[in-house]
Amino acid sequence: MKAIKYLVLMTAVFACAVAVNMHRFGYNLNDGFWRTLMFPFEGTVWAPRFTEDNFNKIKQGMSASSVREILGEPLRQDSECSEICFWYYTGQDTGTADFDQRWIVFNNANQVMEIRKSFFID
């Protein structure tokens, strides 16, 4: 009986942690679950001026200069952009770390065409 109580308690604590991560990062249930489960192995590197609030201000169709004004410089960006161009506002601290993905994809007119926000499991 004691083991069942412990299991129920741990399940409730985990569910609360998932809910916190869903709220904190604006994740769906799947990303919130994996962010919580993989927390010990998470290794996100964030761009210096990055905030979740500012990232949420980015909308499709915005110009690259507007994005830079809101988020600052990305950690890195594609150097050759013929069709599409990626700006990476997060990255991995090691080559195998799970991380919070925050990427902006621009079209050849330098307008936001895609906003990538998820928990990436490597």
PDB file of N, CA and C in Angstrom:
ATOM      1  N   MET A   1       0.814  -1.195   0.000  1.00  0.00           N
ATOM      2  CA  MET A   1       0.000   0.000   0.000  1.00  0.00           C
ATOM      3  C   MET A   1       0.860   1.261   0.000  1.00  0.00           C
ATOM      4  N   LYS A   2       1.966   1.213   0.752  1.00  0.00           N
ATOM      5  CA  LYS A   2       2.868   2.358   0.820  1.00  0.00           C
ATOM      6  C   LYS A   2       3.476   2.640  -0.557  1.00  0.00           C
ATOM      7  N   ALA A   3       3.808   1.586  -1.286  1.00  0.00           N
ATOM      8  CA  ALA A   3       4.380   1.742  -2.624  1.00  0.00           C
ATOM      9  C   ALA A   3       3.376   2.377  -3.579  1.00  0.00           C
ATOM     10  N   ILE A   4       2.120   2.025  -3.459  1.00  0.00           N
ATOM     11  CA  ILE A   4       1.088   2.602  -4.330  1.00  0.00           C
ATOM     12  C   ILE A   4       0.921   4.088  -4.046  1.00  0.00           C
ATOM     13  N   LYS A   5       0.930   4.459  -2.764  1.00  0.00           N
ATOM     14  CA  LYS A   5       0.825   5.877  -2.396  1.00  0.00           C
ATOM     15  C   LYS A   5       2.005   6.667  -2.962  1.00  0.00           C
ATOM     16  N   TYR A   6       3.196   6.082  -2.846  1.00  0.00           N
ATOM     17  CA  TYR A   6       4.395   6.730  -3.376  1.00  0.00           C
ATOM     18  C   TYR A   6       4.298   6.897  -4.892  1.00  0.00           C
ATOM     19  N   LEU A   7       3.840   5.872  -5.573  1.00  0.00           N
ATOM     20  CA  LEU A   7       3.690   5.923  -7.027  1.00  0.00           C
ATOM     21  C   LEU A   7       2.678   6.989  -7.442  1.00  0.00           C
ATOM     22  N   VAL A   8       1.569   7.066  -6.734  1.00  0.00           N
ATOM     23  CA  VAL A   8       0.551   8.083  -7.024  1.00  0.00           C
ATOM     24  C   VAL A   8       1.125   9.479  -6.791  1.00  0.00           C
ATOM     25  N   LEU A   9       1.857   9.651  -5.692  1.00  0.00           N
ATOM     26  CA  LEU A   9       2.465  10.948  -5.390  1.00  0.00           C
ATOM     27  C   LEU A   9       3.465  11.352  -6.472  1.00  0.00           C
ATOM     28  N   MET A  10       4.331  10.438  -6.874  1.00  0.00           N
ATOM     29  CA  MET A  10       5.338  10.747  -7.899  1.00  0.00           C
ATOM     30  C   MET A  10       4.680  11.056  -9.243  1.00  0.00           C
ATOM     31  N   THR A  11       3.619  10.358  -9.565  1.00  0.00           N
ATOM     32  CA  THR A  11       2.885  10.628 -10.801  1.00  0.00           C
ATOM     33  C   THR A  11       2.281  12.025 -10.762  1.00  0.00           C
ATOM     34  N   ALA A  12       1.723  12.400  -9.619  1.00  0.00           N
ATOM     35  CA  ALA A  12       1.136  13.735  -9.474  1.00  0.00           C
ATOM     36  C   ALA A  12       2.202  14.818  -9.579  1.00  0.00           C
ATOM     37  N   VAL A  13       3.346  14.601  -8.959  1.00  0.00           N
ATOM     38  CA  VAL A  13       4.446  15.575  -9.028  1.00  0.00           C
ATOM     39  C   VAL A  13       4.927  15.718 -10.469  1.00  0.00           C
ATOM     40  N   PHE A  14       5.085  14.601 -11.165  1.00  0.00           N
ATOM     41  CA  PHE A  14       5.526  14.645 -12.560  1.00  0.00           C
ATOM     42  C   PHE A  14       4.506  15.380 -13.427  1.00  0.00           C
ATOM     43  N   ALA A  15       3.222  15.101 -13.219  1.00  0.00           N
ATOM     44  CA  ALA A  15       2.167  15.773 -13.995  1.00  0.00           C
ATOM     45  C   ALA A  15       2.192  17.277 -13.753  1.00  0.00           C
ATOM     46  N   CYS A  16       2.441  17.684 -12.515  1.00  0.00           N
ATOM     47  CA  CYS A  16       2.550  19.118 -12.213  1.00  0.00           C
ATOM     48  C   CYS A  16       3.758  19.730 -12.916  1.00  0.00           C
ATOM     49  N   ALA A  17       4.873  19.014 -12.926  1.00  0.00           N
ATOM     50  CA  ALA A  17       6.074  19.512 -13.602  1.00  0.00           C
ATOM     51  C   ALA A  17       5.837  19.644 -15.103  1.00  0.00           C
ATOM     52  N   VAL A  18       5.123  18.705 -15.694  1.00  0.00           N
ATOM     53  CA  VAL A  18       4.776  18.796 -17.120  1.00  0.00           C
ATOM     54  C   VAL A  18       3.937  20.046 -17.360  1.00  0.00           C
ATOM     55  N   ALA A  19       2.953  20.282 -16.512  1.00  0.00           N
ATOM     56  CA  ALA A  19       2.092  21.465 -16.658  1.00  0.00           C
ATOM     57  C   ALA A  19       2.897  22.751 -16.536  1.00  0.00           C
ATOM     58  N   VAL A  20       3.852  22.784 -15.619  1.00  0.00           N
ATOM     59  CA  VAL A  20       4.712  23.965 -15.460  1.00  0.00           C
ATOM     60  C   VAL A  20       5.518  24.200 -16.730  1.00  0.00           C
ATOM     61  N   ASN A  21       6.114  23.148 -17.289  1.00  0.00           N
ATOM     62  CA  ASN A  21       6.897  23.304 -18.516  1.00  0.00           C
ATOM     63  C   ASN A  21       6.026  23.692 -19.702  1.00  0.00           C
ATOM     64  N   MET A  22       4.807  23.191 -19.750  1.00  0.00           N
ATOM     65  CA  MET A  22       3.895  23.586 -20.830  1.00  0.00           C
ATOM     66  C   MET A  22       3.611  25.083 -20.738  1.00  0.00           C
ATOM     67  N   HIS A  23       3.391  25.569 -19.541  1.00  0.00           N
ATOM     68  CA  HIS A  23       3.114  26.996 -19.350  1.00  0.00           C
ATOM     69  C   HIS A  23       4.372  27.839 -19.572  1.00  0.00           C
ATOM     70  N   ARG A  24       5.473  27.435 -18.959  1.00  0.00           N
ATOM     71  CA  ARG A  24       6.719  28.208 -19.012  1.00  0.00           C
ATOM     72  C   ARG A  24       7.242  28.379 -20.436  1.00  0.00           C
ATOM     73  N   PHE A  25       7.187  27.304 -21.219  1.00  0.00           N
ATOM     74  CA  PHE A  25       7.756  27.337 -22.558  1.00  0.00           C
ATOM     75  C   PHE A  25       6.709  27.435 -23.663  1.00  0.00           C
ATOM     76  N   GLY A  26       5.438  27.427 -23.308  1.00  0.00           N
ATOM     77  CA  GLY A  26       4.385  27.477 -24.320  1.00  0.00           C
ATOM     78  C   GLY A  26       4.319  26.201 -25.140  1.00  0.00           C
ATOM     79  N   TYR A  27       4.619  25.071 -24.508  1.00  0.00           N
ATOM     80  CA  TYR A  27       4.665  23.793 -25.206  1.00  0.00           C
ATOM     81  C   TYR A  27       3.312  23.095 -25.183  1.00  0.00           C
ATOM     82  N   ASN A  28       3.128  22.202 -26.156  1.00  0.00           N
ATOM     83  CA  ASN A  28       1.977  21.300 -26.115  1.00  0.00           C
ATOM     84  C   ASN A  28       2.304  20.171 -25.132  1.00  0.00           C
ATOM     85  N   LEU A  29       1.364  19.257 -24.940  1.00  0.00           N
ATOM     86  CA  LEU A  29       1.549  18.177 -23.969  1.00  0.00           C
ATOM     87  C   LEU A  29       2.759  17.312 -24.305  1.00  0.00           C
ATOM     88  N   ASN A  30       2.954  16.995 -25.576  1.00  0.00           N
ATOM     89  CA  ASN A  30       4.070  16.143 -25.983  1.00  0.00           C
ATOM     90  C   ASN A  30       5.415  16.780 -25.635  1.00  0.00           C
ATOM     91  N   ASP A  31       5.621  18.046 -26.047  1.00  0.00           N
ATOM     92  CA  ASP A  31       6.892  18.714 -25.756  1.00  0.00           C
ATOM     93  C   ASP A  31       7.065  18.948 -24.256  1.00  0.00           C
ATOM     94  N   GLY A  32       5.985  19.280 -23.562  1.00  0.00           N
ATOM     95  CA  GLY A  32       6.057  19.465 -22.115  1.00  0.00           C
ATOM     96  C   GLY A  32       6.460  18.184 -21.399  1.00  0.00           C
ATOM     97  N   PHE A  33       5.903  17.057 -21.848  1.00  0.00           N
ATOM     98  CA  PHE A  33       6.246  15.756 -21.274  1.00  0.00           C
ATOM     99  C   PHE A  33       7.728  15.452 -21.461  1.00  0.00           C
ATOM    100  N   TRP A  34       8.216  15.572 -22.703  1.00  0.00           N
ATOM    101  CA  TRP A  34       9.611  15.224 -22.979  1.00  0.00           C
ATOM    102  C   TRP A  34      10.582  16.205 -22.344  1.00  0.00           C
ATOM    103  N   ARG A  35      10.219  17.480 -22.278  1.00  0.00           N
ATOM    104  CA  ARG A  35      11.075  18.478 -21.617  1.00  0.00           C
ATOM    105  C   ARG A  35      11.232  18.117 -20.142  1.00  0.00           C
ATOM    106  N   THR A  36      10.149  17.667 -19.524  1.00  0.00           N
ATOM    107  CA  THR A  36      10.185  17.287 -18.112  1.00  0.00           C
ATOM    108  C   THR A  36      10.971  15.997 -17.914  1.00  0.00           C
ATOM    109  N   LEU A  37      10.703  15.000 -18.730  1.00  0.00           N
ATOM    110  CA  LEU A  37      11.364  13.705 -18.596  1.00  0.00           C
ATOM    111  C   LEU A  37      12.866  13.802 -18.854  1.00  0.00           C
ATOM    112  N   MET A  38      13.254  14.588 -19.849  1.00  0.00           N
ATOM    113  CA  MET A  38      14.657  14.663 -20.252  1.00  0.00           C
ATOM    114  C   MET A  38      15.410  15.799 -19.567  1.00  0.00           C
ATOM    115  N   PHE A  39      14.796  16.436 -18.583  1.00  0.00           N
ATOM    116  CA  PHE A  39      15.416  17.568 -17.892  1.00  0.00           C
ATOM    117  C   PHE A  39      16.872  17.323 -17.490  1.00  0.00           C
ATOM    118  N   PRO A  40      17.223  16.156 -16.938  1.00  0.00           N
ATOM    119  CA  PRO A  40      18.624  15.962 -16.543  1.00  0.00           C
ATOM    120  C   PRO A  40      19.610  15.997 -17.715  1.00  0.00           C
ATOM    121  N   PHE A  41      19.117  15.775 -18.918  1.00  0.00           N
ATOM    122  CA  PHE A  41      19.991  15.702 -20.092  1.00  0.00           C
ATOM    123  C   PHE A  41      19.841  16.909 -21.006  1.00  0.00           C
ATOM    124  N   GLU A  42      19.012  17.861 -20.610  1.00  0.00           N
ATOM    125  CA  GLU A  42      18.742  19.049 -21.425  1.00  0.00           C
ATOM    126  C   GLU A  42      19.972  19.938 -21.423  1.00  0.00           C
ATOM    127  N   GLY A  43      20.332  20.434 -22.605  1.00  0.00           N
ATOM    128  CA  GLY A  43      21.500  21.298 -22.714  1.00  0.00           C
ATOM    129  C   GLY A  43      21.281  22.403 -23.726  1.00  0.00           C
ATOM    130  N   THR A  44      20.406  23.334 -23.406  1.00  0.00           N
ATOM    131  CA  THR A  44      20.093  24.423 -24.330  1.00  0.00           C
ATOM    132  C   THR A  44      21.034  25.593 -24.117  1.00  0.00           C
ATOM    133  N   VAL A  45      21.580  26.103 -25.211  1.00  0.00           N
ATOM    134  CA  VAL A  45      22.343  27.345 -25.210  1.00  0.00           C
ATOM    135  C   VAL A  45      21.437  28.394 -25.842  1.00  0.00           C
ATOM    136  N   TRP A  46      21.270  29.533 -25.178  1.00  0.00           N
ATOM    137  CA  TRP A  46      20.348  30.580 -25.628  1.00  0.00           C
ATOM    138  C   TRP A  46      21.128  31.778 -26.160  1.00  0.00           C
ATOM    139  N   ALA A  47      20.581  32.447 -27.165  1.00  0.00           N
ATOM    140  CA  ALA A  47      21.166  33.696 -27.661  1.00  0.00           C
ATOM    141  C   ALA A  47      21.139  34.720 -26.525  1.00  0.00           C
ATOM    142  N   PRO A  48      22.111  35.639 -26.504  1.00  0.00           N
ATOM    143  CA  PRO A  48      22.255  36.557 -25.367  1.00  0.00           C
ATOM    144  C   PRO A  48      21.005  37.363 -24.997  1.00  0.00           C
ATOM    145  N   ARG A  49      20.278  37.891 -25.960  1.00  0.00           N
ATOM    146  CA  ARG A  49      19.117  38.734 -25.653  1.00  0.00           C
ATOM    147  C   ARG A  49      17.792  37.984 -25.728  1.00  0.00           C
ATOM    148  N   PHE A  50      17.845  36.677 -25.893  1.00  0.00           N
ATOM    149  CA  PHE A  50      16.633  35.893 -26.100  1.00  0.00           C
ATOM    150  C   PHE A  50      15.757  35.861 -24.857  1.00  0.00           C
ATOM    151  N   THR A  51      14.436  36.041 -25.072  1.00  0.00           N
ATOM    152  CA  THR A  51      13.435  35.765 -24.035  1.00  0.00           C
ATOM    153  C   THR A  51      12.252  35.084 -24.710  1.00  0.00           C
ATOM    154  N   GLU A  52      11.557  34.243 -23.964  1.00  0.00           N
ATOM    155  CA  GLU A  52      10.365  33.578 -24.510  1.00  0.00           C
ATOM    156  C   GLU A  52       9.303  34.609 -24.886  1.00  0.00           C
ATOM    157  N   ASP A  53       9.140  35.631 -24.049  1.00  0.00           N
ATOM    158  CA  ASP A  53       8.134  36.660 -24.339  1.00  0.00           C
ATOM    159  C   ASP A  53       8.407  37.327 -25.680  1.00  0.00           C
ATOM    160  N   ASN A  54       9.662  37.670 -25.937  1.00  0.00           N
ATOM    161  CA  ASN A  54       9.991  38.305 -27.219  1.00  0.00           C
ATOM    162  C   ASN A  54       9.851  37.330 -28.380  1.00  0.00           C
ATOM    163  N   PHE A  55      10.225  36.077 -28.168  1.00  0.00           N
ATOM    164  CA  PHE A  55      10.086  35.087 -29.238  1.00  0.00           C
ATOM    165  C   PHE A  55       8.623  34.940 -29.639  1.00  0.00           C
ATOM    166  N   ASN A  56       7.736  35.021 -28.670  1.00  0.00           N
ATOM    167  CA  ASN A  56       6.304  34.900 -28.953  1.00  0.00           C
ATOM    168  C   ASN A  56       5.751  36.089 -29.735  1.00  0.00           C
ATOM    169  N   LYS A  57       6.510  37.175 -29.827  1.00  0.00           N
ATOM    170  CA  LYS A  57       6.090  38.346 -30.607  1.00  0.00           C
ATOM    171  C   LYS A  57       6.352  38.168 -32.101  1.00  0.00           C
ATOM    172  N   ILE A  58       7.180  37.201 -32.454  1.00  0.00           N
ATOM    173  CA  ILE A  58       7.541  36.987 -33.854  1.00  0.00           C
ATOM    174  C   ILE A  58       6.360  36.347 -34.581  1.00  0.00           C
ATOM    175  N   LYS A  59       6.029  36.902 -35.738  1.00  0.00           N
ATOM    176  CA  LYS A  59       4.899  36.418 -36.538  1.00  0.00           C
ATOM    177  C   LYS A  59       5.354  36.184 -37.975  1.00  0.00           C
ATOM    178  N   GLN A  60       4.653  35.288 -38.656  1.00  0.00           N
ATOM    179  CA  GLN A  60       4.946  35.053 -40.069  1.00  0.00           C
ATOM    180  C   GLN A  60       4.767  36.352 -40.843  1.00  0.00           C
ATOM    181  N   GLY A  61       5.666  36.573 -41.804  1.00  0.00           N
ATOM    182  CA  GLY A  61       5.612  37.766 -42.637  1.00  0.00           C
ATOM    183  C   GLY A  61       6.469  38.912 -42.134  1.00  0.00           C
ATOM    184  N   MET A  62       6.960  38.835 -40.883  1.00  0.00           N
ATOM    185  CA  MET A  62       7.813  39.901 -40.351  1.00  0.00           C
ATOM    186  C   MET A  62       9.135  39.933 -41.108  1.00  0.00           C
ATOM    187  N   SER A  63       9.744  41.094 -41.151  1.00  0.00           N
ATOM    188  CA  SER A  63      11.033  41.246 -41.824  1.00  0.00           C
ATOM    189  C   SER A  63      12.165  40.790 -40.910  1.00  0.00           C
ATOM    190  N   ALA A  64      13.295  40.469 -41.522  1.00  0.00           N
ATOM    191  CA  ALA A  64      14.470  40.047 -40.760  1.00  0.00           C
ATOM    192  C   ALA A  64      14.932  41.159 -39.826  1.00  0.00           C
ATOM    193  N   SER A  65      14.856  42.403 -40.277  1.00  0.00           N
ATOM    194  CA  SER A  65      15.285  43.514 -39.422  1.00  0.00           C
ATOM    195  C   SER A  65      14.370  43.664 -38.205  1.00  0.00           C
ATOM    196  N   SER A  66      13.076  43.418 -38.374  1.00  0.00           N
ATOM    197  CA  SER A  66      12.149  43.476 -37.231  1.00  0.00           C
ATOM    198  C   SER A  66      12.455  42.369 -36.227  1.00  0.00           C
ATOM    199  N   VAL A  67      12.759  41.182 -36.732  1.00  0.00           N
ATOM    200  CA  VAL A  67      13.106  40.062 -35.852  1.00  0.00           C
ATOM    201  C   VAL A  67      14.372  40.393 -35.076  1.00  0.00           C
ATOM    202  N   ARG A  68      15.376  40.925 -35.755  1.00  0.00           N
ATOM    203  CA  ARG A  68      16.634  41.276 -35.099  1.00  0.00           C
ATOM    204  C   ARG A  68      16.405  42.353 -34.036  1.00  0.00           C
ATOM    205  N   GLU A  69      15.518  43.285 -34.320  1.00  0.00           N
ATOM    206  CA  GLU A  69      15.192  44.345 -33.366  1.00  0.00           C
ATOM    207  C   GLU A  69      14.571  43.762 -32.088  1.00  0.00           C
ATOM    208  N   ILE A  70      13.709  42.770 -32.249  1.00  0.00           N
ATOM    209  CA  ILE A  70      13.000  42.177 -31.109  1.00  0.00           C
ATOM    210  C   ILE A  70      13.875  41.187 -30.342  1.00  0.00           C
ATOM    211  N   LEU A  71      14.578  40.311 -31.059  1.00  0.00           N
ATOM    212  CA  LEU A  71      15.313  39.213 -30.420  1.00  0.00           C
ATOM    213  C   LEU A  71      16.817  39.429 -30.317  1.00  0.00           C
ATOM    214  N   GLY A  72      17.344  40.399 -31.032  1.00  0.00           N
ATOM    215  CA  GLY A  72      18.788  40.571 -31.064  1.00  0.00           C
ATOM    216  C   GLY A  72      19.419  39.600 -32.049  1.00  0.00           C
ATOM    217  N   GLU A  73      20.717  39.479 -31.957  1.00  0.00           N
ATOM    218  CA  GLU A  73      21.454  38.604 -32.870  1.00  0.00           C
ATOM    219  C   GLU A  73      21.206  37.136 -32.520  1.00  0.00           C
ATOM    220  N   PRO A  74      21.038  36.290 -33.541  1.00  0.00           N
ATOM    221  CA  PRO A  74      20.919  34.853 -33.267  1.00  0.00           C
ATOM    222  C   PRO A  74      22.272  34.274 -32.857  1.00  0.00           C
ATOM    223  N   LEU A  75      22.244  33.080 -32.293  1.00  0.00           N
ATOM    224  CA  LEU A  75      23.504  32.389 -31.987  1.00  0.00           C
ATOM    225  C   LEU A  75      24.299  32.179 -33.265  1.00  0.00           C
ATOM    226  N   ARG A  76      23.586  31.779 -34.307  1.00  0.00           N
ATOM    227  CA  ARG A  76      24.199  31.637 -35.632  1.00  0.00           C
ATOM    228  C   ARG A  76      23.105  31.704 -36.675  1.00  0.00           C
ATOM    229  N   GLN A  77      23.524  31.925 -37.896  1.00  0.00           N
ATOM    230  CA  GLN A  77      22.575  31.951 -39.006  1.00  0.00           C
ATOM    231  C   GLN A  77      23.249  31.386 -40.235  1.00  0.00           C
ATOM    232  N   ASP A  78      22.424  30.887 -41.150  1.00  0.00           N
ATOM    233  CA  ASP A  78      22.970  30.346 -42.391  1.00  0.00           C
ATOM    234  C   ASP A  78      23.732  31.439 -43.118  1.00  0.00           C
ATOM    235  N   SER A  79      24.867  31.075 -43.689  1.00  0.00           N
ATOM    236  CA  SER A  79      25.657  32.061 -44.424  1.00  0.00           C
ATOM    237  C   SER A  79      25.218  32.159 -45.882  1.00  0.00           C
ATOM    238  N   GLU A  80      24.750  31.082 -46.444  1.00  0.00           N
ATOM    239  CA  GLU A  80      24.280  31.073 -47.832  1.00  0.00           C
ATOM    240  C   GLU A  80      22.776  30.854 -47.833  1.00  0.00           C
ATOM    241  N   CYS A  81      22.048  31.856 -48.265  1.00  0.00           N
ATOM    242  CA  CYS A  81      20.582  31.775 -48.225  1.00  0.00           C
ATOM    243  C   CYS A  81      20.020  32.044 -49.615  1.00  0.00           C
ATOM    244  N   SER A  82      19.848  30.994 -50.391  1.00  0.00           N
ATOM    245  CA  SER A  82      19.280  31.194 -51.725  1.00  0.00           C
ATOM    246  C   SER A  82      17.757  31.082 -51.695  1.00  0.00           C
ATOM    247  N   GLU A  83      17.227  30.009 -51.131  1.00  0.00           N
ATOM    248  CA  GLU A  83      15.773  29.816 -51.052  1.00  0.00           C
ATOM    249  C   GLU A  83      15.242  30.165 -49.666  1.00  0.00           C
ATOM    250  N   ILE A  84      15.839  29.537 -48.655  1.00  0.00           N
ATOM    251  CA  ILE A  84      15.435  29.808 -47.274  1.00  0.00           C
ATOM    252  C   ILE A  84      16.671  30.037 -46.419  1.00  0.00           C
ATOM    253  N   CYS A  85      16.464  30.664 -45.268  1.00  0.00           N
ATOM    254  CA  CYS A  85      17.572  30.972 -44.372  1.00  0.00           C
ATOM    255  C   CYS A  85      17.131  30.725 -42.931  1.00  0.00           C
ATOM    256  N   PHE A  86      17.955  30.034 -42.174  1.00  0.00           N
ATOM    257  CA  PHE A  86      17.655  29.745 -40.772  1.00  0.00           C
ATOM    258  C   PHE A  86      18.433  30.686 -39.854  1.00  0.00           C
ATOM    259  N   TRP A  87      17.740  31.213 -38.851  1.00  0.00           N
ATOM    260  CA  TRP A  87      18.383  31.916 -37.744  1.00  0.00           C
ATOM    261  C   TRP A  87      18.151  31.059 -36.512  1.00  0.00           C
ATOM    262  N   TYR A  88      19.230  30.717 -35.826  1.00  0.00           N
ATOM    263  CA  TYR A  88      19.167  29.806 -34.686  1.00  0.00           C
ATOM    264  C   TYR A  88      19.323  30.609 -33.393  1.00  0.00           C
ATOM    265  N   TYR A  89      18.262  30.712 -32.629  1.00  0.00           N
ATOM    266  CA  TYR A  89      18.315  31.428 -31.354  1.00  0.00           C
ATOM    267  C   TYR A  89      18.625  30.500 -30.182  1.00  0.00           C
ATOM    268  N   THR A  90      18.660  29.208 -30.441  1.00  0.00           N
ATOM    269  CA  THR A  90      19.109  28.234 -29.447  1.00  0.00           C
ATOM    270  C   THR A  90      19.970  27.191 -30.142  1.00  0.00           C
ATOM    271  N   GLY A  91      20.726  26.483 -29.338  1.00  0.00           N
ATOM    272  CA  GLY A  91      21.536  25.392 -29.852  1.00  0.00           C
ATOM    273  C   GLY A  91      21.816  24.402 -28.739  1.00  0.00           C
ATOM    274  N   GLN A  92      22.596  23.393 -29.059  1.00  0.00           N
ATOM    275  CA  GLN A  92      22.952  22.348 -28.099  1.00  0.00           C
ATOM    276  C   GLN A  92      24.286  22.680 -27.447  1.00  0.00           C
ATOM    277  N   ASP A  93      24.405  22.399 -26.144  1.00  0.00           N
ATOM    278  CA  ASP A  93      25.698  22.619 -25.499  1.00  0.00           C
ATOM    279  C   ASP A  93      26.683  21.493 -25.804  1.00  0.00           C
ATOM    280  N   THR A  94      26.162  20.337 -26.216  1.00  0.00           N
ATOM    281  CA  THR A  94      27.001  19.246 -26.724  1.00  0.00           C
ATOM    282  C   THR A  94      26.306  18.680 -27.954  1.00  0.00           C
ATOM    283  N   GLY A  95      27.000  17.907 -28.718  1.00  0.00           N
ATOM    284  CA  GLY A  95      26.434  17.369 -29.950  1.00  0.00           C
ATOM    285  C   GLY A  95      25.285  16.396 -29.765  1.00  0.00           C
ATOM    286  N   THR A  96      25.092  15.920 -28.539  1.00  0.00           N
ATOM    287  CA  THR A  96      24.023  14.948 -28.303  1.00  0.00           C
ATOM    288  C   THR A  96      23.002  15.420 -27.272  1.00  0.00           C
ATOM    289  N   ALA A  97      23.039  16.682 -26.906  1.00  0.00           N
ATOM    290  CA  ALA A  97      22.118  17.190 -25.880  1.00  0.00           C
ATOM    291  C   ALA A  97      20.712  17.389 -26.449  1.00  0.00           C
ATOM    292  N   ASP A  98      19.713  17.103 -25.631  1.00  0.00           N
ATOM    293  CA  ASP A  98      18.335  17.471 -25.959  1.00  0.00           C
ATOM    294  C   ASP A  98      18.220  18.965 -25.658  1.00  0.00           C
ATOM    295  N   PHE A  99      17.437  19.698 -26.471  1.00  0.00           N
ATOM    296  CA  PHE A  99      17.406  21.141 -26.248  1.00  0.00           C
ATOM    297  C   PHE A  99      16.097  21.764 -26.701  1.00  0.00           C
ATOM    298  N   ASP A 100      15.867  22.981 -26.195  1.00  0.00           N
ATOM    299  CA  ASP A 100      14.708  23.770 -26.586  1.00  0.00           C
ATOM    300  C   ASP A 100      15.028  24.427 -27.926  1.00  0.00           C
ATOM    301  N   GLN A 101      14.278  24.067 -28.944  1.00  0.00           N
ATOM    302  CA  GLN A 101      14.527  24.572 -30.298  1.00  0.00           C
ATOM    303  C   GLN A 101      13.753  25.874 -30.508  1.00  0.00           C
ATOM    304  N   ARG A 102      14.481  26.945 -30.823  1.00  0.00           N
ATOM    305  CA  ARG A 102      13.878  28.233 -31.160  1.00  0.00           C
ATOM    306  C   ARG A 102      14.586  28.748 -32.413  1.00  0.00           C
ATOM    307  N   TRP A 103      13.997  28.459 -33.544  1.00  0.00           N
ATOM    308  CA  TRP A 103      14.576  28.826 -34.827  1.00  0.00           C
ATOM    309  C   TRP A 103      13.569  29.632 -35.619  1.00  0.00           C
ATOM    310  N   ILE A 104      14.087  30.567 -36.420  1.00  0.00           N
ATOM    311  CA  ILE A 104      13.263  31.352 -37.335  1.00  0.00           C
ATOM    312  C   ILE A 104      13.724  31.013 -38.751  1.00  0.00           C
ATOM    313  N   VAL A 105      12.781  30.750 -39.635  1.00  0.00           N
ATOM    314  CA  VAL A 105      13.094  30.439 -41.030  1.00  0.00           C
ATOM    315  C   VAL A 105      12.579  31.587 -41.892  1.00  0.00           C
ATOM    316  N   PHE A 106      13.473  32.131 -42.724  1.00  0.00           N
ATOM    317  CA  PHE A 106      13.129  33.232 -43.621  1.00  0.00           C
ATOM    318  C   PHE A 106      13.070  32.747 -45.064  1.00  0.00           C
ATOM    319  N   ASN A 107      12.209  33.373 -45.854  1.00  0.00           N
ATOM    320  CA  ASN A 107      12.169  33.084 -47.288  1.00  0.00           C
ATOM    321  C   ASN A 107      13.192  33.965 -47.997  1.00  0.00           C
ATOM    322  N   ASN A 108      13.245  33.871 -49.322  1.00  0.00           N
ATOM    323  CA  ASN A 108      14.246  34.643 -50.067  1.00  0.00           C
ATOM    324  C   ASN A 108      13.931  36.139 -50.113  1.00  0.00           C
ATOM    325  N   ALA A 109      12.770  36.557 -49.599  1.00  0.00           N
ATOM    326  CA  ALA A 109      12.433  37.979 -49.486  1.00  0.00           C
ATOM    327  C   ALA A 109      12.734  38.498 -48.073  1.00  0.00           C
ATOM    328  N   ASN A 110      13.468  37.705 -47.284  1.00  0.00           N
ATOM    329  CA  ASN A 110      13.826  38.061 -45.905  1.00  0.00           C
ATOM    330  C   ASN A 110      12.619  38.295 -45.013  1.00  0.00           C
ATOM    331  N   GLN A 111      11.586  37.479 -45.209  1.00  0.00           N
ATOM    332  CA  GLN A 111      10.401  37.526 -44.360  1.00  0.00           C
ATOM    333  C   GLN A 111      10.252  36.192 -43.638  1.00  0.00           C
ATOM    334  N   VAL A 112       9.757  36.256 -42.413  1.00  0.00           N
ATOM    335  CA  VAL A 112       9.549  35.037 -41.631  1.00  0.00           C
ATOM    336  C   VAL A 112       8.520  34.160 -42.336  1.00  0.00           C
ATOM    337  N   MET A 113       8.923  32.909 -42.608  1.00  0.00           N
ATOM    338  CA  MET A 113       7.986  31.965 -43.216  1.00  0.00           C
ATOM    339  C   MET A 113       7.650  30.814 -42.268  1.00  0.00           C
ATOM    340  N   GLU A 114       8.491  30.625 -41.237  1.00  0.00           N
ATOM    341  CA  GLU A 114       8.246  29.545 -40.282  1.00  0.00           C
ATOM    342  C   GLU A 114       8.897  29.893 -38.947  1.00  0.00           C
ATOM    343  N   ILE A 115       8.223  29.518 -37.874  1.00  0.00           N
ATOM    344  CA  ILE A 115       8.736  29.719 -36.519  1.00  0.00           C
ATOM    345  C   ILE A 115       8.784  28.347 -35.865  1.00  0.00           C
ATOM    346  N   ARG A 116       9.977  27.917 -35.494  1.00  0.00           N
ATOM    347  CA  ARG A 116      10.124  26.583 -34.904  1.00  0.00           C
ATOM    348  C   ARG A 116      10.328  26.707 -33.398  1.00  0.00           C
ATOM    349  N   LYS A 117       9.399  26.125 -32.672  1.00  0.00           N
ATOM    350  CA  LYS A 117       9.442  26.156 -31.210  1.00  0.00           C
ATOM    351  C   LYS A 117       9.024  24.786 -30.712  1.00  0.00           C
ATOM    352  N   SER A 118       9.993  24.030 -30.211  1.00  0.00           N
ATOM    353  CA  SER A 118       9.693  22.692 -29.708  1.00  0.00           C
ATOM    354  C   SER A 118      10.835  22.229 -28.814  1.00  0.00           C
ATOM    355  N   PHE A 119      10.656  21.075 -28.210  1.00  0.00           N
ATOM    356  CA  PHE A 119      11.734  20.435 -27.472  1.00  0.00           C
ATOM    357  C   PHE A 119      12.301  19.353 -28.369  1.00  0.00           C
ATOM    358  N   PHE A 120      13.560  19.490 -28.728  1.00  0.00           N
ATOM    359  CA  PHE A 120      14.210  18.600 -29.684  1.00  0.00           C
ATOM    360  C   PHE A 120      14.965  17.516 -28.922  1.00  0.00           C
ATOM    361  N   ILE A 121      14.629  16.279 -29.201  1.00  0.00           N
ATOM    362  CA  ILE A 121      15.303  15.150 -28.562  1.00  0.00           C
ATOM    363  C   ILE A 121      16.323  14.589 -29.531  1.00  0.00           C
ATOM    364  N   ASP A 122      17.573  14.624 -29.115  1.00  0.00           N
ATOM    365  CA  ASP A 122      18.653  14.154 -29.977  1.00  0.00           C
ATOM    366  C   ASP A 122      19.063  12.749 -29.595  1.00  0.00           C
TER     367      ASP A 122
END
